[in-house]
Amino acid sequence: MTLLGTNTFVILDSHQSSCVLVDPGEGGETRARELEFLCTQIGVAPRLVMVTHDHSDHIEAAAATCAQWRIPLLTARSGDLSEGICIGDGFDIDVIELKGHSADSVGLIVRGDHVLLSGDVVFLESWCCLGSCDSDLRAYFNTLNRVESLLAEGEICELLPGHGSMMRRDVALKRIGEYRRHRFSRLEQVREVIKECGSIDCASVARRIYPGMIDKRNTLLQRVVEVQMEYLEGQTVLPA
């Protein structure tokens, strides 16, 4: 599933002669040729490919893109991207952990432009899905808090998400608030269903929460509910 398509970002170096490609997306060799055409039109040569996380809609075309240009791929899973790493040599990109959507999710702060490439943390037009095998709602709330602080303190002025439209500071702060309220509302709904039916079976709870579930999405939505139930374990009061 590629929600609104996947955004691929081209970060130019200080001399505007080379670039970093972030989240090449899906499409394999076809996508790699499209990126080659784009870079040729701009007049830059890619030096690196990086991904905010390794879900297929972000990384599928990475191998073909790297082979096309004979350049390395940096990912968090491989240990190349982690908190505190700075990509220099004409670039000024800081790597920060943004776990929650996945365990390997990272953000890239482009210091000169005061923007954060935020991957799948928050979208303007839709909701981020926490249904991966390593999704973690507690980590996700921490990530929302961190991005909110970066915006509030002026360290970044815009969010460039993995899907959908960019968000300037005020819009992004408002959207984070909406996301937080949405998550807490869904958690309360899950808690009430568990209380009413006395079941802690993910499939049973998911059928109550998502009564119109499409068959092929059953597994995903059950995992979404499971992530919420994992968060609720040990929680007595939800934050306001």
Protein backbone atom coordinates (compact mmCIF):
# COMPACT_ATOMS: atom_id res chain seq x y z
CA MET A 1 0.00 0.00 0.00
CA THR A 2 1.44 3.34 -1.03
CA LEU A 3 -0.62 5.96 0.72
CA LEU A 4 -0.90 8.94 -1.65
CA GLY A 5 2.31 7.69 -3.26
CA THR A 6 5.71 7.81 -1.59
CA ASN A 7 7.62 11.10 -1.53
CA THR A 8 11.21 10.87 -2.76
CA PHE A 9 13.46 13.74 -1.72
CA VAL A 10 16.56 15.09 -3.47
CA ILE A 11 18.90 16.94 -1.09
CA LEU A 12 21.52 19.04 -2.88
CA ASP A 13 25.01 19.60 -1.51
CA SER A 14 26.31 23.08 -0.76
CA HIS A 15 27.74 23.39 -4.29
CA GLN A 16 24.57 22.02 -5.90
CA SER A 17 26.67 19.55 -7.87
CA SER A 18 25.67 16.32 -6.13
CA CYS A 19 22.79 15.06 -4.03
CA VAL A 20 21.42 12.53 -1.59
CA LEU A 21 18.30 10.61 -2.58
CA VAL A 22 15.92 9.81 0.26
CA ASP A 23 13.20 7.13 0.02
CA PRO A 24 13.41 6.16 -3.66
CA GLY A 25 10.07 4.38 -3.33
CA GLU A 26 8.60 1.53 -5.32
CA GLY A 27 9.03 0.50 -8.94
CA GLY A 28 12.46 -1.09 -9.12
CA GLU A 29 14.38 -0.31 -12.32
CA THR A 30 11.54 1.82 -13.72
CA ARG A 31 11.70 4.09 -10.70
CA ALA A 32 15.51 4.15 -10.86
CA ARG A 33 15.35 5.39 -14.46
CA GLU A 34 12.86 8.08 -13.46
CA LEU A 35 15.22 9.28 -10.73
CA GLU A 36 18.13 9.21 -13.16
CA PHE A 37 16.17 11.42 -15.55
CA LEU A 38 15.26 13.81 -12.74
CA CYS A 39 18.87 14.13 -11.53
CA THR A 40 20.08 14.66 -15.09
CA GLN A 41 17.53 17.43 -15.56
CA ILE A 42 18.65 19.10 -12.33
CA GLY A 43 22.30 18.57 -13.23
CA VAL A 44 23.39 16.65 -10.14
CA ALA A 45 24.85 13.21 -9.49
CA PRO A 46 23.60 11.19 -6.49
CA ARG A 47 26.24 10.21 -3.94
CA LEU A 48 24.06 8.33 -1.46
CA VAL A 49 20.66 6.75 -1.10
CA MET A 50 19.05 6.80 2.34
CA VAL A 51 15.70 5.53 3.59
CA THR A 52 13.66 6.72 6.57
CA HIS A 53 12.67 3.07 7.16
CA ASP A 54 12.76 -0.14 5.20
CA HIS A 55 9.09 -0.70 4.31
CA SER A 56 8.75 -1.71 0.68
CA ASP A 57 7.00 1.48 -0.45
CA HIS A 58 10.10 3.42 0.61
CA ILE A 59 12.97 1.05 -0.18
CA GLU A 60 11.88 -1.18 -3.06
CA ALA A 61 13.62 0.88 -5.76
CA ALA A 62 16.76 1.47 -3.66
CA ALA A 63 18.78 -1.48 -4.96
CA ALA A 64 18.18 -0.56 -8.60
CA THR A 65 18.90 3.11 -7.91
CA CYS A 66 22.16 2.31 -6.14
CA ALA A 67 23.19 -0.05 -8.93
CA GLN A 68 22.36 2.59 -11.54
CA TRP A 69 24.75 5.10 -9.96
CA ARG A 70 27.09 2.66 -8.15
CA ILE A 71 26.47 4.41 -4.85
CA PRO A 72 25.84 3.08 -1.30
CA LEU A 73 22.53 2.60 0.46
CA LEU A 74 22.33 3.74 4.08
CA THR A 75 19.65 2.31 6.36
CA ALA A 76 19.01 2.08 10.08
CA ARG A 77 18.66 -1.71 9.90
CA SER A 78 22.20 -1.99 8.56
CA GLY A 79 23.51 0.30 11.30
CA ASP A 80 24.44 3.11 8.91
CA LEU A 81 21.79 5.54 10.19
CA SER A 82 21.34 6.08 13.91
CA GLU A 83 20.84 8.86 16.41
CA GLY A 84 23.64 11.44 16.29
CA ILE A 85 25.07 10.57 12.89
CA CYS A 86 25.75 13.62 10.72
CA ILE A 87 26.04 13.40 6.94
CA GLY A 88 28.62 16.04 6.02
CA ASP A 89 30.97 16.54 3.06
CA GLY A 90 28.88 19.31 1.56
CA PHE A 91 25.68 18.19 3.25
CA ASP A 92 24.46 19.13 6.72
CA ILE A 93 22.05 16.35 7.60
CA ASP A 94 21.50 15.07 11.14
CA VAL A 95 19.94 11.67 11.77
CA ILE A 96 17.43 11.29 14.62
CA GLU A 97 15.48 8.24 15.78
CA LEU A 98 11.73 8.42 15.18
CA LYS A 99 10.65 4.96 16.27
CA GLY A 100 7.05 3.83 16.52
CA HIS A 101 5.75 3.25 13.02
CA SER A 102 8.65 0.81 12.80
CA ALA A 103 11.67 0.04 14.96
CA ASP A 104 14.05 1.34 12.30
CA SER A 105 12.31 4.67 11.59
CA VAL A 106 14.61 7.68 11.46
CA GLY A 107 14.22 11.33 10.54
CA LEU A 108 16.67 13.51 8.65
CA ILE A 109 17.09 17.14 9.70
CA VAL A 110 18.44 19.28 6.85
CA ARG A 111 20.00 22.03 8.93
CA GLY A 112 20.41 24.67 6.22
CA ASP A 113 16.73 24.51 5.32
CA HIS A 114 15.39 23.86 8.86
CA VAL A 115 13.27 20.97 7.63
CA LEU A 116 12.70 17.43 8.89
CA LEU A 117 12.22 14.53 6.53
CA SER A 118 9.95 12.66 8.90
CA GLY A 119 9.06 9.43 7.12
CA ASP A 120 5.79 7.87 8.27
CA VAL A 121 5.22 9.78 11.52
CA VAL A 122 2.44 12.21 10.68
CA PHE A 123 0.56 13.02 7.47
CA LEU A 124 -1.60 16.01 6.62
CA GLU A 125 -4.28 14.18 4.63
CA SER A 126 -4.55 10.87 6.49
CA TRP A 127 -3.51 8.78 9.49
CA CYS A 128 -0.26 6.86 9.90
CA CYS A 129 -0.73 3.10 10.30
CA LEU A 130 0.86 1.31 13.25
CA GLY A 131 0.38 -2.22 12.01
CA SER A 132 3.89 -3.49 11.31
CA CYS A 133 5.44 -6.41 13.16
CA ASP A 134 7.67 -3.96 15.06
CA SER A 135 5.24 -1.04 15.50
CA ASP A 136 5.25 0.33 19.05
CA LEU A 137 2.69 2.86 20.24
CA ARG A 138 4.64 3.95 23.30
CA ALA A 139 7.67 4.72 21.13
CA TYR A 140 5.36 6.45 18.66
CA PHE A 141 4.00 8.83 21.32
CA ASN A 142 7.61 9.65 22.27
CA THR A 143 8.32 10.41 18.63
CA LEU A 144 5.30 12.70 18.36
CA ASN A 145 6.52 14.55 21.47
CA ARG A 146 10.00 14.90 20.02
CA VAL A 147 8.86 16.24 16.66
CA GLU A 148 6.49 18.62 18.45
CA SER A 149 9.40 19.95 20.55
CA LEU A 150 11.63 20.44 17.49
CA LEU A 151 8.87 22.50 15.89
CA ALA A 152 7.94 24.45 19.02
CA GLU A 153 11.57 25.36 19.72
CA GLY A 154 12.15 26.51 16.13
CA GLU A 155 14.81 23.93 15.39
CA ILE A 156 12.77 22.91 12.36
CA CYS A 157 10.18 24.97 10.50
CA GLU A 158 8.68 22.39 8.14
CA LEU A 159 7.87 18.70 8.03
CA LEU A 160 8.43 16.77 4.81
CA PRO A 161 6.53 13.50 5.35
CA GLY A 162 6.89 10.20 3.53
CA HIS A 163 3.42 10.60 2.00
CA GLY A 164 1.25 13.56 1.17
CA SER A 165 1.84 17.28 1.53
CA MET A 166 4.55 19.15 3.37
CA MET A 167 3.54 20.97 6.54
CA ARG A 168 4.76 24.31 7.79
CA ARG A 169 5.31 24.77 11.52
CA ASP A 170 1.82 25.88 12.64
CA VAL A 171 0.05 23.31 10.48
CA ALA A 172 2.38 20.53 11.66
CA LEU A 173 1.87 21.42 15.34
CA LYS A 174 -1.90 21.40 14.87
CA ARG A 175 -1.76 18.08 13.05
CA ILE A 176 0.35 16.46 15.78
CA GLY A 177 -2.27 17.51 18.31
CA GLU A 178 -4.96 15.93 16.14
CA TYR A 179 -2.92 12.75 15.84
CA ARG A 180 -2.46 12.50 19.58
CA ARG A 181 -6.18 12.98 20.25
CA HIS A 182 -7.04 10.45 17.56
CA ARG A 183 -4.74 7.85 19.10
CA PHE A 184 -6.07 8.38 22.62
CA SER A 185 -9.65 8.20 21.35
CA ARG A 186 -8.95 4.89 19.62
CA LEU A 187 -7.22 3.54 22.73
CA GLU A 188 -10.27 4.43 24.83
CA GLN A 189 -12.46 2.67 22.29
CA VAL A 190 -10.32 -0.48 22.48
CA ARG A 191 -10.40 -0.36 26.28
CA GLU A 192 -14.20 -0.05 26.32
CA VAL A 193 -14.62 -2.97 23.89
CA ILE A 194 -12.39 -5.16 26.06
CA LYS A 195 -14.39 -4.15 29.12
CA GLU A 196 -17.77 -4.77 27.46
CA CYS A 197 -17.07 -8.12 25.81
CA GLY A 198 -14.52 -9.39 28.32
CA SER A 199 -12.26 -10.52 25.49
CA ILE A 200 -8.59 -9.85 24.97
CA ASP A 201 -8.55 -11.68 21.64
CA CYS A 202 -7.22 -9.30 18.98
CA ALA A 203 -9.46 -10.68 16.24
CA SER A 204 -12.60 -10.28 18.35
CA VAL A 205 -11.71 -6.75 19.41
CA ALA A 206 -10.77 -5.82 15.83
CA ARG A 207 -14.17 -6.98 14.54
CA ARG A 208 -15.86 -4.65 17.04
CA ILE A 209 -13.59 -1.69 16.29
CA TYR A 210 -13.59 -2.17 12.51
CA PRO A 211 -16.99 -3.76 11.71
CA GLY A 212 -16.56 -3.23 7.96
CA MET A 213 -13.16 -4.93 7.72
CA ILE A 214 -12.10 -6.10 4.25
CA ASP A 215 -10.96 -9.73 4.37
CA LYS A 216 -7.47 -9.14 2.97
CA ARG A 217 -6.86 -6.46 5.62
CA ASN A 218 -7.89 -8.62 8.57
CA THR A 219 -4.31 -9.44 9.54
CA LEU A 220 -3.20 -5.80 9.33
CA LEU A 221 -6.10 -4.49 11.39
CA GLN A 222 -5.67 -7.23 13.97
CA ARG A 223 -2.05 -6.15 14.33
CA VAL A 224 -3.15 -2.51 14.67
CA VAL A 225 -5.40 -3.54 17.55
CA GLU A 226 -2.66 -5.72 19.04
CA VAL A 227 -0.29 -2.72 19.09
CA GLN A 228 -2.94 -0.72 20.94
CA MET A 229 -3.54 -3.53 23.42
CA GLU A 230 0.19 -3.84 24.07
CA TYR A 231 0.23 -0.15 24.95
CA LEU A 232 -2.77 -0.51 27.27
CA GLU A 233 -1.10 -3.24 29.31
CA GLY A 234 -0.17 -1.65 32.59
CA GLN A 235 -1.86 1.65 31.70
CA THR A 236 -4.55 2.73 34.16
CA VAL A 237 -5.15 6.28 32.92
CA LEU A 238 -4.66 7.65 29.42
CA PRO A 239 -2.89 11.02 29.18
CA ALA A 240 -5.18 13.98 28.61
